[in-house]
Amino acid sequence: MADDDRISLIGIRVLGRHGVLPHERLVPQPFEIDVVLRGDLSAAAASDDLRRTINYGQVFEVVTAVVRDGHYALIEALAGAIGRAILDRWPLPEVEVRVRKPDAPLPGPFDHVEAALTVRREA
């Protein structure tokens, strides 16, 4: 496996109810998610066969379901849940997950708040 083999999904946008404050759990708000799937892609590259890789359409569905259906106080916990859901479904050694919250309740202008986690498969 090449150490830099990866498939990236960048800027998945989905509404969710995550946050510490009560109103953040009542009214859906936008979240933006990046996932970087790390694993050996050589079989897919050699065969050009979807069955030999990670179907990123299915990854998209898993990510959106976790964000849409789960409820977490912290975006760090949301990122961890996304990473675990991906590792539960595919035999990857690790996945990097970045969760951005553009409408976080802060007292001034900002672009977004982001939490980034690398979730690794336990040995």
PDB file of N, CA and C in Angstrom:
ATOM      1  N   MET A   1       0.840  -1.186   0.000  1.00  0.00           N
ATOM      2  CA  MET A   1       0.000   0.000   0.000  1.00  0.00           C
ATOM      3  C   MET A   1       0.876   1.237   0.000  1.00  0.00           C
ATOM      4  N   ALA A   2       0.586   2.158  -0.878  1.00  0.00           N
ATOM      5  CA  ALA A   2       1.270   3.443  -0.844  1.00  0.00           C
ATOM      6  C   ALA A   2       0.717   4.257   0.319  1.00  0.00           C
ATOM      7  N   ASP A   3       1.606   4.894   1.063  1.00  0.00           N
ATOM      8  CA  ASP A   3       1.171   5.648   2.239  1.00  0.00           C
ATOM      9  C   ASP A   3       0.230   6.793   1.899  1.00  0.00           C
ATOM     10  N   ASP A   4       0.277   7.265   0.664  1.00  0.00           N
ATOM     11  CA  ASP A   4      -0.560   8.409   0.320  1.00  0.00           C
ATOM     12  C   ASP A   4      -1.787   8.042  -0.507  1.00  0.00           C
ATOM     13  N   ASP A   5      -2.112   6.743  -0.640  1.00  0.00           N
ATOM     14  CA  ASP A   5      -3.346   6.342  -1.316  1.00  0.00           C
ATOM     15  C   ASP A   5      -4.530   6.886  -0.523  1.00  0.00           C
ATOM     16  N   ARG A   6      -5.459   7.531  -1.225  1.00  0.00           N
ATOM     17  CA  ARG A   6      -6.614   8.076  -0.524  1.00  0.00           C
ATOM     18  C   ARG A   6      -7.717   8.433  -1.513  1.00  0.00           C
ATOM     19  N   ILE A   7      -8.915   8.438  -1.031  1.00  0.00           N
ATOM     20  CA  ILE A   7     -10.076   8.987  -1.716  1.00  0.00           C
ATOM     21  C   ILE A   7     -10.624  10.059  -0.786  1.00  0.00           C
ATOM     22  N   SER A   8     -10.860  11.244  -1.322  1.00  0.00           N
ATOM     23  CA  SER A   8     -11.345  12.363  -0.514  1.00  0.00           C
ATOM     24  C   SER A   8     -12.712  12.829  -0.995  1.00  0.00           C
ATOM     25  N   LEU A   9     -13.595  13.036  -0.065  1.00  0.00           N
ATOM     26  CA  LEU A   9     -14.881  13.688  -0.327  1.00  0.00           C
ATOM     27  C   LEU A   9     -14.824  15.016   0.416  1.00  0.00           C
ATOM     28  N   ILE A  10     -14.890  16.107  -0.313  1.00  0.00           N
ATOM     29  CA  ILE A  10     -14.669  17.427   0.269  1.00  0.00           C
ATOM     30  C   ILE A  10     -15.938  18.271   0.165  1.00  0.00           C
ATOM     31  N   GLY A  11     -16.329  18.835   1.288  1.00  0.00           N
ATOM     32  CA  GLY A  11     -17.439  19.786   1.296  1.00  0.00           C
ATOM     33  C   GLY A  11     -18.824  19.173   1.219  1.00  0.00           C
ATOM     34  N   ILE A  12     -19.013  18.005   1.843  1.00  0.00           N
ATOM     35  CA  ILE A  12     -20.358  17.422   1.917  1.00  0.00           C
ATOM     36  C   ILE A  12     -21.202  18.350   2.790  1.00  0.00           C
ATOM     37  N   ARG A  13     -22.294  18.818   2.251  1.00  0.00           N
ATOM     38  CA  ARG A  13     -23.153  19.750   2.993  1.00  0.00           C
ATOM     39  C   ARG A  13     -24.447  19.049   3.390  1.00  0.00           C
ATOM     40  N   VAL A  14     -24.742  19.129   4.686  1.00  0.00           N
ATOM     41  CA  VAL A  14     -25.939  18.466   5.210  1.00  0.00           C
ATOM     42  C   VAL A  14     -26.425  19.224   6.447  1.00  0.00           C
ATOM     43  N   LEU A  15     -27.727  19.221   6.652  1.00  0.00           N
ATOM     44  CA  LEU A  15     -28.309  19.849   7.833  1.00  0.00           C
ATOM     45  C   LEU A  15     -28.340  18.850   8.979  1.00  0.00           C
ATOM     46  N   GLY A  16     -28.039  19.339  10.184  1.00  0.00           N
ATOM     47  CA  GLY A  16     -28.062  18.492  11.361  1.00  0.00           C
ATOM     48  C   GLY A  16     -28.409  19.288  12.597  1.00  0.00           C
ATOM     49  N   ARG A  17     -28.631  18.566  13.688  1.00  0.00           N
ATOM     50  CA  ARG A  17     -28.989  19.185  14.965  1.00  0.00           C
ATOM     51  C   ARG A  17     -27.918  18.836  15.997  1.00  0.00           C
ATOM     52  N   HIS A  18     -26.821  19.579  15.950  1.00  0.00           N
ATOM     53  CA  HIS A  18     -25.703  19.299  16.841  1.00  0.00           C
ATOM     54  C   HIS A  18     -25.274  20.595  17.516  1.00  0.00           C
ATOM     55  N   GLY A  19     -24.994  20.506  18.806  1.00  0.00           N
ATOM     56  CA  GLY A  19     -24.525  21.668  19.534  1.00  0.00           C
ATOM     57  C   GLY A  19     -24.814  21.526  21.013  1.00  0.00           C
ATOM     58  N   VAL A  20     -24.226  22.404  21.782  1.00  0.00           N
ATOM     59  CA  VAL A  20     -24.386  22.403  23.230  1.00  0.00           C
ATOM     60  C   VAL A  20     -25.665  23.123  23.643  1.00  0.00           C
ATOM     61  N   LEU A  21     -26.004  24.171  22.920  1.00  0.00           N
ATOM     62  CA  LEU A  21     -27.159  24.989  23.294  1.00  0.00           C
ATOM     63  C   LEU A  21     -28.472  24.323  22.842  1.00  0.00           C
ATOM     64  N   PRO A  22     -29.534  24.492  23.639  1.00  0.00           N
ATOM     65  CA  PRO A  22     -30.803  23.824  23.309  1.00  0.00           C
ATOM     66  C   PRO A  22     -31.321  24.144  21.904  1.00  0.00           C
ATOM     67  N   HIS A  23     -31.248  25.382  21.475  1.00  0.00           N
ATOM     68  CA  HIS A  23     -31.795  25.719  20.155  1.00  0.00           C
ATOM     69  C   HIS A  23     -31.006  25.065  19.017  1.00  0.00           C
ATOM     70  N   GLU A  24     -29.736  24.718  19.261  1.00  0.00           N
ATOM     71  CA  GLU A  24     -28.942  24.056  18.224  1.00  0.00           C
ATOM     72  C   GLU A  24     -29.430  22.627  17.972  1.00  0.00           C
ATOM     73  N   ARG A  25     -30.099  22.069  18.951  1.00  0.00           N
ATOM     74  CA  ARG A  25     -30.617  20.708  18.806  1.00  0.00           C
ATOM     75  C   ARG A  25     -32.057  20.686  18.297  1.00  0.00           C
ATOM     76  N   LEU A  26     -32.691  21.849  18.251  1.00  0.00           N
ATOM     77  CA  LEU A  26     -34.076  21.928  17.783  1.00  0.00           C
ATOM     78  C   LEU A  26     -34.180  22.307  16.310  1.00  0.00           C
ATOM     79  N   VAL A  27     -33.372  23.258  15.899  1.00  0.00           N
ATOM     80  CA  VAL A  27     -33.456  23.786  14.534  1.00  0.00           C
ATOM     81  C   VAL A  27     -32.271  23.255  13.723  1.00  0.00           C
ATOM     82  N   PRO A  28     -32.524  22.561  12.625  1.00  0.00           N
ATOM     83  CA  PRO A  28     -31.406  22.073  11.801  1.00  0.00           C
ATOM     84  C   PRO A  28     -30.538  23.236  11.319  1.00  0.00           C
ATOM     85  N   GLN A  29     -29.236  23.007  11.335  1.00  0.00           N
ATOM     86  CA  GLN A  29     -28.275  24.003  10.890  1.00  0.00           C
ATOM     87  C   GLN A  29     -27.288  23.340   9.938  1.00  0.00           C
ATOM     88  N   PRO A  30     -26.617  24.132   9.112  1.00  0.00           N
ATOM     89  CA  PRO A  30     -25.706  23.538   8.127  1.00  0.00           C
ATOM     90  C   PRO A  30     -24.398  23.058   8.751  1.00  0.00           C
ATOM     91  N   PHE A  31     -23.936  21.937   8.242  1.00  0.00           N
ATOM     92  CA  PHE A  31     -22.619  21.404   8.555  1.00  0.00           C
ATOM     93  C   PHE A  31     -21.951  21.061   7.236  1.00  0.00           C
ATOM     94  N   GLU A  32     -20.633  21.170   7.221  1.00  0.00           N
ATOM     95  CA  GLU A  32     -19.860  20.788   6.043  1.00  0.00           C
ATOM     96  C   GLU A  32     -18.818  19.775   6.484  1.00  0.00           C
ATOM     97  N   ILE A  33     -18.742  18.674   5.759  1.00  0.00           N
ATOM     98  CA  ILE A  33     -17.909  17.539   6.161  1.00  0.00           C
ATOM     99  C   ILE A  33     -16.920  17.207   5.052  1.00  0.00           C
ATOM    100  N   ASP A  34     -15.674  16.940   5.435  1.00  0.00           N
ATOM    101  CA  ASP A  34     -14.667  16.360   4.546  1.00  0.00           C
ATOM    102  C   ASP A  34     -14.280  15.007   5.124  1.00  0.00           C
ATOM    103  N   VAL A  35     -14.122  14.017   4.264  1.00  0.00           N
ATOM    104  CA  VAL A  35     -13.575  12.736   4.704  1.00  0.00           C
ATOM    105  C   VAL A  35     -12.449  12.342   3.758  1.00  0.00           C
ATOM    106  N   VAL A  36     -11.381  11.859   4.337  1.00  0.00           N
ATOM    107  CA  VAL A  36     -10.243  11.352   3.574  1.00  0.00           C
ATOM    108  C   VAL A  36     -10.087   9.894   3.953  1.00  0.00           C
ATOM    109  N   LEU A  37     -10.370   9.023   2.986  1.00  0.00           N
ATOM    110  CA  LEU A  37     -10.321   7.577   3.192  1.00  0.00           C
ATOM    111  C   LEU A  37      -8.938   7.096   2.810  1.00  0.00           C
ATOM    112  N   ARG A  38      -8.209   6.525   3.761  1.00  0.00           N
ATOM    113  CA  ARG A  38      -6.855   6.059   3.500  1.00  0.00           C
ATOM    114  C   ARG A  38      -6.826   4.538   3.466  1.00  0.00           C
ATOM    115  N   GLY A  39      -6.258   4.012   2.384  1.00  0.00           N
ATOM    116  CA  GLY A  39      -6.148   2.565   2.237  1.00  0.00           C
ATOM    117  C   GLY A  39      -5.496   2.236   0.911  1.00  0.00           C
ATOM    118  N   ASP A  40      -5.262   0.995   0.686  1.00  0.00           N
ATOM    119  CA  ASP A  40      -4.591   0.533  -0.523  1.00  0.00           C
ATOM    120  C   ASP A  40      -5.555   0.585  -1.710  1.00  0.00           C
ATOM    121  N   LEU A  41      -5.261   1.419  -2.679  1.00  0.00           N
ATOM    122  CA  LEU A  41      -6.106   1.574  -3.862  1.00  0.00           C
ATOM    123  C   LEU A  41      -5.507   0.897  -5.090  1.00  0.00           C
ATOM    124  N   SER A  42      -4.436   0.138  -4.906  1.00  0.00           N
ATOM    125  CA  SER A  42      -3.740  -0.439  -6.060  1.00  0.00           C
ATOM    126  C   SER A  42      -4.597  -1.452  -6.820  1.00  0.00           C
ATOM    127  N   ALA A  43      -5.402  -2.261  -6.125  1.00  0.00           N
ATOM    128  CA  ALA A  43      -6.250  -3.241  -6.815  1.00  0.00           C
ATOM    129  C   ALA A  43      -7.287  -2.542  -7.685  1.00  0.00           C
ATOM    130  N   ALA A  44      -7.862  -1.473  -7.190  1.00  0.00           N
ATOM    131  CA  ALA A  44      -8.837  -0.717  -7.980  1.00  0.00           C
ATOM    132  C   ALA A  44      -8.167  -0.049  -9.174  1.00  0.00           C
ATOM    133  N   ALA A  45      -6.988   0.491  -8.956  1.00  0.00           N
ATOM    134  CA  ALA A  45      -6.261   1.144 -10.046  1.00  0.00           C
ATOM    135  C   ALA A  45      -5.909   0.157 -11.149  1.00  0.00           C
ATOM    136  N   ALA A  46      -5.533  -1.059 -10.762  1.00  0.00           N
ATOM    137  CA  ALA A  46      -5.132  -2.065 -11.744  1.00  0.00           C
ATOM    138  C   ALA A  46      -6.325  -2.686 -12.470  1.00  0.00           C
ATOM    139  N   SER A  47      -7.459  -2.806 -11.778  1.00  0.00           N
ATOM    140  CA  SER A  47      -8.595  -3.541 -12.346  1.00  0.00           C
ATOM    141  C   SER A  47      -9.682  -2.651 -12.934  1.00  0.00           C
ATOM    142  N   ASP A  48      -9.736  -1.401 -12.522  1.00  0.00           N
ATOM    143  CA  ASP A  48     -10.808  -0.495 -12.940  1.00  0.00           C
ATOM    144  C   ASP A  48     -12.171  -1.085 -12.583  1.00  0.00           C
ATOM    145  N   ASP A  49     -12.250  -1.694 -11.398  1.00  0.00           N
ATOM    146  CA  ASP A  49     -13.444  -2.409 -10.952  1.00  0.00           C
ATOM    147  C   ASP A  49     -13.954  -1.773  -9.660  1.00  0.00           C
ATOM    148  N   LEU A  50     -15.175  -1.287  -9.672  1.00  0.00           N
ATOM    149  CA  LEU A  50     -15.769  -0.633  -8.505  1.00  0.00           C
ATOM    150  C   LEU A  50     -15.786  -1.547  -7.284  1.00  0.00           C
ATOM    151  N   ARG A  51     -15.909  -2.840  -7.497  1.00  0.00           N
ATOM    152  CA  ARG A  51     -15.932  -3.778  -6.370  1.00  0.00           C
ATOM    153  C   ARG A  51     -14.597  -3.864  -5.645  1.00  0.00           C
ATOM    154  N   ARG A  52     -13.530  -3.334  -6.228  1.00  0.00           N
ATOM    155  CA  ARG A  52     -12.192  -3.423  -5.628  1.00  0.00           C
ATOM    156  C   ARG A  52     -11.779  -2.120  -4.940  1.00  0.00           C
ATOM    157  N   THR A  53     -12.737  -1.232  -4.712  1.00  0.00           N
ATOM    158  CA  THR A  53     -12.429   0.055  -4.089  1.00  0.00           C
ATOM    159  C   THR A  53     -13.527   0.412  -3.094  1.00  0.00           C
ATOM    160  N   ILE A  54     -13.480   1.619  -2.585  1.00  0.00           N
ATOM    161  CA  ILE A  54     -14.495   2.148  -1.693  1.00  0.00           C
ATOM    162  C   ILE A  54     -15.458   2.977  -2.543  1.00  0.00           C
ATOM    163  N   ASN A  55     -16.715   2.605  -2.549  1.00  0.00           N
ATOM    164  CA  ASN A  55     -17.716   3.323  -3.331  1.00  0.00           C
ATOM    165  C   ASN A  55     -18.022   4.639  -2.614  1.00  0.00           C
ATOM    166  N   TYR A  56     -17.553   5.738  -3.172  1.00  0.00           N
ATOM    167  CA  TYR A  56     -17.709   7.008  -2.467  1.00  0.00           C
ATOM    168  C   TYR A  56     -19.156   7.495  -2.441  1.00  0.00           C
ATOM    169  N   GLY A  57     -20.004   6.986  -3.319  1.00  0.00           N
ATOM    170  CA  GLY A  57     -21.436   7.281  -3.217  1.00  0.00           C
ATOM    171  C   GLY A  57     -22.023   6.705  -1.939  1.00  0.00           C
ATOM    172  N   GLN A  58     -21.583   5.507  -1.583  1.00  0.00           N
ATOM    173  CA  GLN A  58     -22.038   4.883  -0.342  1.00  0.00           C
ATOM    174  C   GLN A  58     -21.457   5.601   0.878  1.00  0.00           C
ATOM    175  N   VAL A  59     -20.211   6.058   0.774  1.00  0.00           N
ATOM    176  CA  VAL A  59     -19.609   6.828   1.872  1.00  0.00           C
ATOM    177  C   VAL A  59     -20.418   8.102   2.098  1.00  0.00           C
ATOM    178  N   PHE A  60     -20.776   8.777   1.014  1.00  0.00           N
ATOM    179  CA  PHE A  60     -21.590   9.990   1.103  1.00  0.00           C
ATOM    180  C   PHE A  60     -22.882   9.705   1.868  1.00  0.00           C
ATOM    181  N   GLU A  61     -23.539   8.600   1.546  1.00  0.00           N
ATOM    182  CA  GLU A  61     -24.786   8.240   2.222  1.00  0.00           C
ATOM    183  C   GLU A  61     -24.577   8.005   3.714  1.00  0.00           C
ATOM    184  N   VAL A  62     -23.485   7.335   4.087  1.00  0.00           N
ATOM    185  CA  VAL A  62     -23.193   7.083   5.496  1.00  0.00           C
ATOM    186  C   VAL A  62     -22.957   8.400   6.229  1.00  0.00           C
ATOM    187  N   VAL A  63     -22.146   9.277   5.643  1.00  0.00           N
ATOM    188  CA  VAL A  63     -21.837  10.565   6.276  1.00  0.00           C
ATOM    189  C   VAL A  63     -23.118  11.372   6.485  1.00  0.00           C
ATOM    190  N   THR A  64     -23.927  11.504   5.441  1.00  0.00           N
ATOM    191  CA  THR A  64     -25.135  12.328   5.575  1.00  0.00           C
ATOM    192  C   THR A  64     -26.107  11.729   6.594  1.00  0.00           C
ATOM    193  N   ALA A  65     -26.203  10.407   6.661  1.00  0.00           N
ATOM    194  CA  ALA A  65     -27.089   9.777   7.641  1.00  0.00           C
ATOM    195  C   ALA A  65     -26.632  10.062   9.067  1.00  0.00           C
ATOM    196  N   VAL A  66     -25.327   9.975   9.332  1.00  0.00           N
ATOM    197  CA  VAL A  66     -24.822  10.239  10.689  1.00  0.00           C
ATOM    198  C   VAL A  66     -25.103  11.686  11.075  1.00  0.00           C
ATOM    199  N   VAL A  67     -24.848  12.625  10.168  1.00  0.00           N
ATOM    200  CA  VAL A  67     -25.072  14.039  10.486  1.00  0.00           C
ATOM    201  C   VAL A  67     -26.561  14.319  10.644  1.00  0.00           C
ATOM    202  N   ARG A  68     -27.364  13.807   9.745  1.00  0.00           N
ATOM    203  CA  ARG A  68     -28.804  14.094   9.746  1.00  0.00           C
ATOM    204  C   ARG A  68     -29.525  13.424  10.920  1.00  0.00           C
ATOM    205  N   ASP A  69     -29.144  12.184  11.251  1.00  0.00           N
ATOM    206  CA  ASP A  69     -29.913  11.398  12.214  1.00  0.00           C
ATOM    207  C   ASP A  69     -29.348  11.403  13.633  1.00  0.00           C
ATOM    208  N   GLY A  70     -28.069  11.731  13.790  1.00  0.00           N
ATOM    209  CA  GLY A  70     -27.462  11.724  15.118  1.00  0.00           C
ATOM    210  C   GLY A  70     -27.661  13.047  15.840  1.00  0.00           C
ATOM    211  N   HIS A  71     -27.337  13.061  17.127  1.00  0.00           N
ATOM    212  CA  HIS A  71     -27.415  14.281  17.931  1.00  0.00           C
ATOM    213  C   HIS A  71     -26.209  14.300  18.867  1.00  0.00           C
ATOM    214  N   TYR A  72     -25.305  15.229  18.626  1.00  0.00           N
ATOM    215  CA  TYR A  72     -24.085  15.339  19.425  1.00  0.00           C
ATOM    216  C   TYR A  72     -23.931  16.767  19.914  1.00  0.00           C
ATOM    217  N   ALA A  73     -23.434  16.921  21.117  1.00  0.00           N
ATOM    218  CA  ALA A  73     -23.165  18.253  21.654  1.00  0.00           C
ATOM    219  C   ALA A  73     -21.943  18.863  20.972  1.00  0.00           C
ATOM    220  N   LEU A  74     -20.930  18.049  20.718  1.00  0.00           N
ATOM    221  CA  LEU A  74     -19.649  18.541  20.200  1.00  0.00           C
ATOM    222  C   LEU A  74     -19.420  18.094  18.768  1.00  0.00           C
ATOM    223  N   ILE A  75     -18.843  18.991  17.961  1.00  0.00           N
ATOM    224  CA  ILE A  75     -18.513  18.592  16.596  1.00  0.00           C
ATOM    225  C   ILE A  75     -17.376  17.569  16.591  1.00  0.00           C
ATOM    226  N   GLU A  76     -16.574  17.528  17.644  1.00  0.00           N
ATOM    227  CA  GLU A  76     -15.554  16.490  17.764  1.00  0.00           C
ATOM    228  C   GLU A  76     -16.198  15.108  17.860  1.00  0.00           C
ATOM    229  N   ALA A  77     -17.283  15.023  18.639  1.00  0.00           N
ATOM    230  CA  ALA A  77     -18.011  13.751  18.774  1.00  0.00           C
ATOM    231  C   ALA A  77     -18.678  13.376  17.455  1.00  0.00           C
ATOM    232  N   LEU A  78     -19.204  14.365  16.743  1.00  0.00           N
ATOM    233  CA  LEU A  78     -19.804  14.102  15.439  1.00  0.00           C
ATOM    234  C   LEU A  78     -18.750  13.569  14.476  1.00  0.00           C
ATOM    235  N   ALA A  79     -17.578  14.177  14.451  1.00  0.00           N
ATOM    236  CA  ALA A  79     -16.492  13.705  13.583  1.00  0.00           C
ATOM    237  C   ALA A  79     -16.104  12.274  13.933  1.00  0.00           C
ATOM    238  N   GLY A  80     -16.009  11.965  15.223  1.00  0.00           N
ATOM    239  CA  GLY A  80     -15.678  10.608  15.645  1.00  0.00           C
ATOM    240  C   GLY A  80     -16.731   9.602  15.235  1.00  0.00           C
ATOM    241  N   ALA A  81     -18.001   9.985  15.339  1.00  0.00           N
ATOM    242  CA  ALA A  81     -19.091   9.076  14.947  1.00  0.00           C
ATOM    243  C   ALA A  81     -19.062   8.803  13.451  1.00  0.00           C
ATOM    244  N   ILE A  82     -18.771   9.821  12.671  1.00  0.00           N
ATOM    245  CA  ILE A  82     -18.662   9.636  11.219  1.00  0.00           C
ATOM    246  C   ILE A  82     -17.514   8.680  10.907  1.00  0.00           C
ATOM    247  N   GLY A  83     -16.357   8.911  11.533  1.00  0.00           N
ATOM    248  CA  GLY A  83     -15.198   8.044  11.291  1.00  0.00           C
ATOM    249  C   GLY A  83     -15.462   6.605  11.670  1.00  0.00           C
ATOM    250  N   ARG A  84     -16.094   6.386  12.818  1.00  0.00           N
ATOM    251  CA  ARG A  84     -16.390   5.013  13.259  1.00  0.00           C
ATOM    252  C   ARG A  84     -17.398   4.342  12.326  1.00  0.00           C
ATOM    253  N   ALA A  85     -18.388   5.091  11.854  1.00  0.00           N
ATOM    254  CA  ALA A  85     -19.384   4.522  10.943  1.00  0.00           C
ATOM    255  C   ALA A  85     -18.732   4.071   9.635  1.00  0.00           C
ATOM    256  N   ILE A  86     -17.765   4.839   9.172  1.00  0.00           N
ATOM    257  CA  ILE A  86     -17.050   4.465   7.939  1.00  0.00           C
ATOM    258  C   ILE A  86     -16.192   3.234   8.182  1.00  0.00           C
ATOM    259  N   LEU A  87     -15.436   3.221   9.287  1.00  0.00           N
ATOM    260  CA  LEU A  87     -14.573   2.061   9.572  1.00  0.00           C
ATOM    261  C   LEU A  87     -15.393   0.806   9.861  1.00  0.00           C
ATOM    262  N   ASP A  88     -16.600   0.966  10.391  1.00  0.00           N
ATOM    263  CA  ASP A  88     -17.465  -0.191  10.644  1.00  0.00           C
ATOM    264  C   ASP A  88     -17.913  -0.842   9.336  1.00  0.00           C
ATOM    265  N   ARG A  89     -17.965  -0.067   8.275  1.00  0.00           N
ATOM    266  CA  ARG A  89     -18.489  -0.584   7.002  1.00  0.00           C
ATOM    267  C   ARG A  89     -17.400  -1.004   6.023  1.00  0.00           C
ATOM    268  N   TRP A  90     -16.233  -0.349   6.059  1.00  0.00           N
ATOM    269  CA  TRP A  90     -15.178  -0.640   5.081  1.00  0.00           C
ATOM    270  C   TRP A  90     -13.869  -0.980   5.781  1.00  0.00           C
ATOM    271  N   PRO A  91     -13.055  -1.854   5.192  1.00  0.00           N
ATOM    272  CA  PRO A  91     -11.808  -2.308   5.829  1.00  0.00           C
ATOM    273  C   PRO A  91     -10.644  -1.338   5.610  1.00  0.00           C
ATOM    274  N   LEU A  92     -10.810  -0.118   6.048  1.00  0.00           N
ATOM    275  CA  LEU A  92      -9.760   0.893   5.933  1.00  0.00           C
ATOM    276  C   LEU A  92      -8.952   0.944   7.227  1.00  0.00           C
ATOM    277  N   PRO A  93      -7.672   1.276   7.145  1.00  0.00           N
ATOM    278  CA  PRO A  93      -6.903   1.426   8.377  1.00  0.00           C
ATOM    279  C   PRO A  93      -7.246   2.704   9.134  1.00  0.00           C
ATOM    280  N   GLU A  94      -7.636   3.770   8.397  1.00  0.00           N
ATOM    281  CA  GLU A  94      -7.969   5.024   9.058  1.00  0.00           C
ATOM    282  C   GLU A  94      -8.747   5.931   8.115  1.00  0.00           C
ATOM    283  N   VAL A  95      -9.434   6.871   8.731  1.00  0.00           N
ATOM    284  CA  VAL A  95     -10.165   7.891   7.984  1.00  0.00           C
ATOM    285  C   VAL A  95      -9.992   9.220   8.707  1.00  0.00           C
ATOM    286  N   GLU A  96      -9.732  10.253   7.953  1.00  0.00           N
ATOM    287  CA  GLU A  96      -9.674  11.595   8.515  1.00  0.00           C
ATOM    288  C   GLU A  96     -11.023  12.257   8.261  1.00  0.00           C
ATOM    289  N   VAL A  97     -11.566  12.880   9.294  1.00  0.00           N
ATOM    290  CA  VAL A  97     -12.867  13.542   9.193  1.00  0.00           C
ATOM    291  C   VAL A  97     -12.715  14.973   9.690  1.00  0.00           C
ATOM    292  N   ARG A  98     -13.194  15.910   8.877  1.00  0.00           N
ATOM    293  CA  ARG A  98     -13.237  17.317   9.272  1.00  0.00           C
ATOM    294  C   ARG A  98     -14.697  17.761   9.240  1.00  0.00           C
ATOM    295  N   VAL A  99     -15.147  18.346  10.344  1.00  0.00           N
ATOM    296  CA  VAL A  99     -16.516  18.853  10.452  1.00  0.00           C
ATOM    297  C   VAL A  99     -16.432  20.358  10.633  1.00  0.00           C
ATOM    298  N   ARG A 100     -17.111  21.079   9.743  1.00  0.00           N
ATOM    299  CA  ARG A 100     -17.174  22.536   9.846  1.00  0.00           C
ATOM    300  C   ARG A 100     -18.594  22.964  10.194  1.00  0.00           C
ATOM    301  N   LYS A 101     -18.668  23.944  11.079  1.00  0.00           N
ATOM    302  CA  LYS A 101     -19.950  24.480  11.542  1.00  0.00           C
ATOM    303  C   LYS A 101     -19.947  25.977  11.255  1.00  0.00           C
ATOM    304  N   PRO A 102     -20.534  26.394  10.125  1.00  0.00           N
ATOM    305  CA  PRO A 102     -20.474  27.812   9.764  1.00  0.00           C
ATOM    306  C   PRO A 102     -21.367  28.713  10.608  1.00  0.00           C
ATOM    307  N   ASP A 103     -22.389  28.160  11.249  1.00  0.00           N
ATOM    308  CA  ASP A 103     -23.319  28.978  12.031  1.00  0.00           C
ATOM    309  C   ASP A 103     -23.169  28.753  13.529  1.00  0.00           C
ATOM    310  N   ALA A 104     -21.956  28.471  13.985  1.00  0.00           N
ATOM    311  CA  ALA A 104     -21.725  28.289  15.422  1.00  0.00           C
ATOM    312  C   ALA A 104     -22.101  29.580  16.159  1.00  0.00           C
ATOM    313  N   PRO A 105     -22.629  29.455  17.373  1.00  0.00           N
ATOM    314  CA  PRO A 105     -23.084  30.637  18.110  1.00  0.00           C
ATOM    315  C   PRO A 105     -21.915  31.402  18.739  1.00  0.00           C
ATOM    316  N   LEU A 106     -21.264  32.212  17.935  1.00  0.00           N
ATOM    317  CA  LEU A 106     -20.145  33.037  18.393  1.00  0.00           C
ATOM    318  C   LEU A 106     -20.536  34.508  18.303  1.00  0.00           C
ATOM    319  N   PRO A 107     -19.927  35.369  19.125  1.00  0.00           N
ATOM    320  CA  PRO A 107     -20.375  36.762  19.215  1.00  0.00           C
ATOM    321  C   PRO A 107     -19.855  37.702  18.118  1.00  0.00           C
ATOM    322  N   GLY A 108     -19.204  37.179  17.105  1.00  0.00           N
ATOM    323  CA  GLY A 108     -18.687  38.057  16.061  1.00  0.00           C
ATOM    324  C   GLY A 108     -18.543  37.317  14.749  1.00  0.00           C
ATOM    325  N   PRO A 109     -18.114  38.044  13.717  1.00  0.00           N
ATOM    326  CA  PRO A 109     -17.989  37.425  12.395  1.00  0.00           C
ATOM    327  C   PRO A 109     -16.863  36.382  12.338  1.00  0.00           C
ATOM    328  N   PHE A 110     -17.114  35.318  11.596  1.00  0.00           N
ATOM    329  CA  PHE A 110     -16.125  34.258  11.384  1.00  0.00           C
ATOM    330  C   PHE A 110     -16.582  33.432  10.200  1.00  0.00           C
ATOM    331  N   ASP A 111     -15.697  32.645   9.651  1.00  0.00           N
ATOM    332  CA  ASP A 111     -16.045  31.791   8.518  1.00  0.00           C
ATOM    333  C   ASP A 111     -16.710  30.504   8.995  1.00  0.00           C
ATOM    334  N   HIS A 112     -16.039  29.757   9.849  1.00  0.00           N
ATOM    335  CA  HIS A 112     -16.580  28.525  10.400  1.00  0.00           C
ATOM    336  C   HIS A 112     -15.699  28.051  11.545  1.00  0.00           C
ATOM    337  N   VAL A 113     -16.236  27.153  12.327  1.00  0.00           N
ATOM    338  CA  VAL A 113     -15.481  26.424  13.345  1.00  0.00           C
ATOM    339  C   VAL A 113     -15.266  25.026  12.774  1.00  0.00           C
ATOM    340  N   GLU A 114     -14.079  24.455  12.992  1.00  0.00           N
ATOM    341  CA  GLU A 114     -13.778  23.138  12.432  1.00  0.00           C
ATOM    342  C   GLU A 114     -13.123  22.246  13.470  1.00  0.00           C
ATOM    343  N   ALA A 115     -13.537  20.982  13.476  1.00  0.00           N
ATOM    344  CA  ALA A 115     -12.854  19.940  14.248  1.00  0.00           C
ATOM    345  C   ALA A 115     -12.354  18.908  13.249  1.00  0.00           C
ATOM    346  N   ALA A 116     -11.107  18.469  13.416  1.00  0.00           N
ATOM    347  CA  ALA A 116     -10.507  17.469  12.533  1.00  0.00           C
ATOM    348  C   ALA A 116      -9.996  16.313  13.377  1.00  0.00           C
ATOM    349  N   LEU A 117     -10.398  15.096  13.012  1.00  0.00           N
ATOM    350  CA  LEU A 117      -9.982  13.884  13.728  1.00  0.00           C
ATOM    351  C   LEU A 117      -9.503  12.848  12.734  1.00  0.00           C
ATOM    352  N   THR A 118      -8.497  12.094  13.126  1.00  0.00           N
ATOM    353  CA  THR A 118      -8.138  10.894  12.400  1.00  0.00           C
ATOM    354  C   THR A 118      -8.593   9.720  13.247  1.00  0.00           C
ATOM    355  N   VAL A 119      -9.485   8.922  12.683  1.00  0.00           N
ATOM    356  CA  VAL A 119     -10.030   7.764  13.391  1.00  0.00           C
ATOM    357  C   VAL A 119      -9.352   6.538  12.819  1.00  0.00           C
ATOM    358  N   ARG A 120      -8.690   5.769  13.698  1.00  0.00           N
ATOM    359  CA  ARG A 120      -7.931   4.598  13.262  1.00  0.00           C
ATOM    360  C   ARG A 120      -8.613   3.326  13.729  1.00  0.00           C
ATOM    361  N   ARG A 121      -8.458   2.316  12.913  1.00  0.00           N
ATOM    362  CA  ARG A 121      -8.974   1.000  13.274  1.00  0.00           C
ATOM    363  C   ARG A 121      -8.152   0.477  14.445  1.00  0.00           C
ATOM    364  N   GLU A 122      -8.822  -0.072  15.433  1.00  0.00           N
ATOM    365  CA  GLU A 122      -8.117  -0.639  16.585  1.00  0.00           C
ATOM    366  C   GLU A 122      -7.474  -1.945  16.188  1.00  0.00           C
ATOM    367  N   ALA A 123      -6.279  -2.200  16.721  1.00  0.00           N
ATOM    368  CA  ALA A 123      -5.540  -3.412  16.381  1.00  0.00           C
ATOM    369  C   ALA A 123      -6.177  -4.649  16.972  1.00  0.00           C
TER     370      ALA A 123
END
